Protein backbone atom coordinates (compact mmCIF):
# COMPACT_ATOMS: atom_id res chain seq x y z
CA UNK A 1 -25.54 -76.93 46.88
CA UNK A 2 -24.32 -74.54 44.39
CA UNK A 3 -24.21 -70.90 45.79
CA UNK A 4 -23.24 -69.18 42.53
CA UNK A 5 -21.54 -69.82 39.12
CA UNK A 6 -19.05 -67.44 37.70
CA UNK A 7 -18.25 -68.00 33.94
CA UNK A 8 -18.95 -67.08 30.28
CA UNK A 9 -22.10 -66.87 28.71
CA UNK A 10 -22.20 -69.62 26.19
CA UNK A 11 -25.89 -69.27 24.84
CA UNK A 12 -28.85 -67.13 25.56
CA UNK A 13 -32.34 -68.68 25.50
CA UNK A 14 -35.85 -67.22 25.86
CA UNK A 15 -36.05 -68.79 29.41
CA UNK A 16 -32.40 -68.46 30.49
CA UNK A 17 -28.96 -69.19 29.47
CA UNK A 18 -25.96 -71.68 29.27
CA UNK A 19 -23.08 -70.68 31.47
CA UNK A 20 -19.79 -72.22 30.84
CA UNK A 21 -17.80 -72.73 34.04
CA UNK A 22 -14.37 -74.59 33.79
CA UNK A 23 -15.45 -76.47 30.66
CA UNK A 24 -18.90 -77.42 31.99
CA UNK A 25 -22.06 -75.84 30.54
CA UNK A 26 -24.69 -75.12 33.06
CA UNK A 27 -28.42 -74.80 31.89
CA UNK A 28 -29.91 -71.92 34.01
CA UNK A 29 -33.50 -70.76 34.05
CA UNK A 30 -33.76 -66.88 34.60
CA UNK A 31 -36.23 -64.23 35.07
CA UNK A 32 -36.53 -61.61 32.49
CA UNK A 33 -34.86 -59.20 35.00
CA UNK A 34 -31.86 -61.35 35.14
CA UNK A 35 -31.86 -61.93 31.30
CA UNK A 36 -31.81 -58.12 30.65
CA UNK A 37 -28.62 -57.90 32.81
CA UNK A 38 -26.69 -60.75 31.01
CA UNK A 39 -23.85 -59.78 28.80
CA UNK A 40 -23.67 -60.96 25.23
CA UNK A 41 -22.53 -64.42 24.32
CA UNK A 42 -18.94 -64.80 25.29
CA UNK A 43 -19.14 -62.10 28.09
CA UNK A 44 -18.44 -63.09 31.63
CA UNK A 45 -20.90 -62.87 34.67
CA UNK A 46 -21.69 -64.26 38.06
CA UNK A 47 -25.22 -65.80 38.78
CA UNK A 48 -26.50 -66.59 42.07
CA UNK A 49 -28.22 -69.97 41.85
CA UNK A 50 -30.95 -72.14 43.38
CA UNK A 51 -31.09 -75.83 42.68
CA UNK A 52 -34.65 -77.10 42.54
CA UNK A 53 -34.85 -80.78 43.29
CA UNK A 54 -37.92 -82.87 42.98
CA UNK A 55 -38.31 -86.82 42.35
CA UNK A 56 -39.20 -86.08 38.56
CA UNK A 57 -36.97 -83.01 37.93
CA UNK A 58 -33.80 -81.31 38.71
CA UNK A 59 -33.44 -77.76 37.46
CA UNK A 60 -30.98 -74.88 38.18
CA UNK A 61 -32.16 -71.25 38.38
CA UNK A 62 -29.88 -68.25 38.14
CA UNK A 63 -30.22 -64.64 39.47
CA UNK A 64 -28.30 -61.47 38.74
CA UNK A 65 -28.56 -60.43 42.42
CA UNK A 66 -28.76 -62.07 45.80
CA UNK A 67 -31.80 -60.07 46.46
CA UNK A 68 -33.72 -61.55 43.63
CA UNK A 69 -32.40 -65.16 44.63
CA UNK A 70 -33.86 -64.45 48.21
CA UNK A 71 -37.16 -63.41 46.80
CA UNK A 72 -37.47 -66.50 44.60
CA UNK A 73 -36.57 -68.87 47.56
CA UNK A 74 -39.02 -67.09 49.78
CA UNK A 75 -41.73 -67.36 47.04
CA UNK A 76 -41.18 -71.14 46.75
CA UNK A 77 -42.31 -71.30 50.51
CA UNK A 78 -45.79 -70.16 49.52
CA UNK A 79 -48.31 -72.98 49.01
CA UNK A 80 -49.39 -73.17 45.37
CA UNK A 81 -46.09 -71.28 43.99
CA UNK A 82 -43.81 -73.30 42.04
CA UNK A 83 -40.53 -72.28 40.40
CA UNK A 84 -42.11 -71.20 37.15
CA UNK A 85 -44.68 -68.89 38.78
CA UNK A 86 -41.77 -67.55 41.18
CA UNK A 87 -39.81 -66.56 38.03
CA UNK A 88 -42.86 -64.80 36.74
CA UNK A 89 -42.95 -62.74 39.99
CA UNK A 90 -39.37 -62.04 39.85
CA UNK A 91 -39.85 -60.87 36.19
CA UNK A 92 -42.77 -58.56 37.13
CA UNK A 93 -41.29 -57.06 40.31
CA UNK A 94 -37.93 -55.82 41.45
CA UNK A 95 -37.31 -56.91 45.09
CA UNK A 96 -38.28 -53.49 46.32
CA UNK A 97 -41.47 -53.27 44.36
CA UNK A 98 -42.50 -56.79 45.63
CA UNK A 99 -41.91 -55.91 49.34
CA UNK A 100 -43.96 -52.71 48.88
CA UNK A 101 -46.86 -54.66 47.36
CA UNK A 102 -46.67 -57.20 50.23
CA UNK A 103 -46.60 -54.51 52.92
CA UNK A 104 -49.40 -52.54 51.44
CA UNK A 105 -51.36 -55.68 50.83
CA UNK A 106 -51.79 -54.77 47.15
CA UNK A 107 -53.67 -57.68 46.02
CA UNK A 108 -54.73 -56.40 42.45
CA UNK A 109 -51.05 -55.67 41.62
CA UNK A 110 -49.91 -59.20 42.97
CA UNK A 111 -52.65 -61.20 41.22
CA UNK A 112 -51.95 -59.40 37.83
CA UNK A 113 -48.82 -61.70 37.47
CA UNK A 114 -49.57 -64.88 35.24
CA UNK A 115 -50.14 -67.87 37.55
CA UNK A 116 -51.07 -65.69 40.51
CA UNK A 117 -54.72 -65.61 41.36
CA UNK A 118 -56.48 -63.70 44.09
CA UNK A 119 -56.20 -66.32 46.59
CA UNK A 120 -52.59 -67.08 46.00
CA UNK A 121 -51.69 -63.44 46.20
CA UNK A 122 -53.51 -63.22 49.52
CA UNK A 123 -51.61 -66.25 50.70
CA UNK A 124 -48.32 -64.48 49.55
CA UNK A 125 -49.13 -61.71 51.69
CA UNK A 126 -49.93 -63.64 54.67
CA UNK A 127 -46.75 -66.01 54.46
CA UNK A 128 -44.17 -63.54 53.17
CA UNK A 129 -45.04 -60.61 55.45
CA UNK A 130 -43.69 -62.81 58.32
CA UNK A 131 -40.83 -64.33 56.63
CA UNK A 132 -39.28 -61.15 54.86
CA UNK A 133 -37.67 -58.21 56.52
CA UNK A 134 -40.48 -55.76 55.72
CA UNK A 135 -41.19 -52.39 57.16
CA UNK A 136 -44.26 -51.69 59.42
CA UNK A 137 -47.36 -50.90 57.50
CA UNK A 138 -47.72 -47.60 59.40
CA UNK A 139 -44.49 -46.59 57.82
CA UNK A 140 -45.25 -47.21 54.31
CA UNK A 141 -48.97 -46.34 54.30
CA UNK A 142 -51.70 -48.21 52.50
CA UNK A 143 -52.47 -47.75 48.79
CA UNK A 144 -55.12 -44.87 48.55
CA UNK A 145 -58.47 -46.28 47.14
CA UNK A 146 -58.26 -43.84 44.32
CA UNK A 147 -55.03 -45.40 43.19
CA UNK A 148 -56.47 -48.68 43.17
CA UNK A 149 -59.44 -47.61 41.12
CA UNK A 150 -57.01 -45.71 38.82
CA UNK A 151 -55.16 -48.71 38.08
CA UNK A 152 -58.10 -50.59 36.80
CA UNK A 153 -59.23 -47.55 34.77
CA UNK A 154 -55.83 -46.98 33.14
CA UNK A 155 -55.61 -50.73 32.18
CA UNK A 156 -59.07 -50.52 30.63
CA UNK A 157 -57.59 -47.75 28.49
CA UNK A 158 -55.08 -50.17 26.96
CA UNK A 159 -51.95 -49.45 29.09
CA UNK A 160 -49.83 -52.48 30.17
CA UNK A 161 -49.67 -53.51 33.96
CA UNK A 162 -45.92 -52.51 33.96
CA UNK A 163 -46.80 -48.98 32.60
CA UNK A 164 -49.56 -48.27 34.96
CA UNK A 165 -47.62 -49.52 37.98
CA UNK A 166 -44.60 -47.15 36.87
CA UNK A 167 -46.83 -44.15 36.37
CA UNK A 168 -48.73 -44.58 39.66
CA UNK A 169 -45.45 -45.08 41.47
CA UNK A 170 -44.60 -41.52 40.22
CA UNK A 171 -47.54 -40.09 41.78
CA UNK A 172 -47.60 -38.89 45.43
CA UNK A 173 -51.34 -39.64 46.06
CA UNK A 174 -52.95 -38.62 49.34
CA UNK A 175 -55.60 -40.74 50.99
CA UNK A 176 -58.43 -38.10 50.04
CA UNK A 177 -57.29 -37.54 46.44
CA UNK A 178 -60.14 -38.16 43.82
CA UNK A 179 -59.97 -40.89 41.17
CA UNK A 180 -60.15 -38.06 38.33
CA UNK A 181 -57.03 -36.28 39.79
CA UNK A 182 -54.93 -39.49 40.03
CA UNK A 183 -55.90 -40.69 36.61
CA UNK A 184 -55.15 -37.18 35.07
CA UNK A 185 -51.80 -37.29 36.78
CA UNK A 186 -50.88 -40.74 35.58
CA UNK A 187 -51.96 -40.04 32.13
CA UNK A 188 -49.52 -37.02 32.04
CA UNK A 189 -46.80 -39.40 32.79
CA UNK A 190 -48.04 -42.13 30.50
CA UNK A 191 -48.41 -39.77 27.61
CA UNK A 192 -44.83 -38.35 27.71
CA UNK A 193 -43.09 -38.78 24.38
CA UNK A 194 -40.42 -41.09 25.84
CA UNK A 195 -43.23 -43.48 27.14
CA UNK A 196 -45.30 -43.40 24.01
CA UNK A 197 -42.77 -45.32 22.05
CA UNK A 198 -42.79 -48.19 24.69
CA UNK A 199 -46.56 -48.83 24.20
């Protein structure tokens, strides 16, 4: 099995890249997270890899970090999650964000990923919390009800899932906070000039 590849980027594609190593071009499928960290064509990089083998297919997946590779491989162990959906998850979450979503059993956030329904998200929580090195729930704390409700309210206002997640992550919400306070605090972050251009 190939552990990693170190070479020059020969081509960049929507769903991955071609990496030239010792005169051989390897076709790698990558998450948007890894794609954002690749150098321009001609630049050198090292990608950690996973070889996905099935009777009808053979594909190579590349990752900018070992942590992302570990997350991808853990996701493949969840029933109903194939490599395409696992890449979607890696594109939507950093390894740290995914661990927090699993520990806090944040089903709405997990099921916001294309290809992940509520049942699959629940299965991810059950399967991955045991397999991954996660902190105790008591140390992290559950997501306050107001934050869960605020997420839905903000998305209904037209903000993307990524924008809402980032804004809510910047709020130190207490379990007894009101929905109104959480939404106002999030809007103050979302409406900053540097964020307005991103929408």
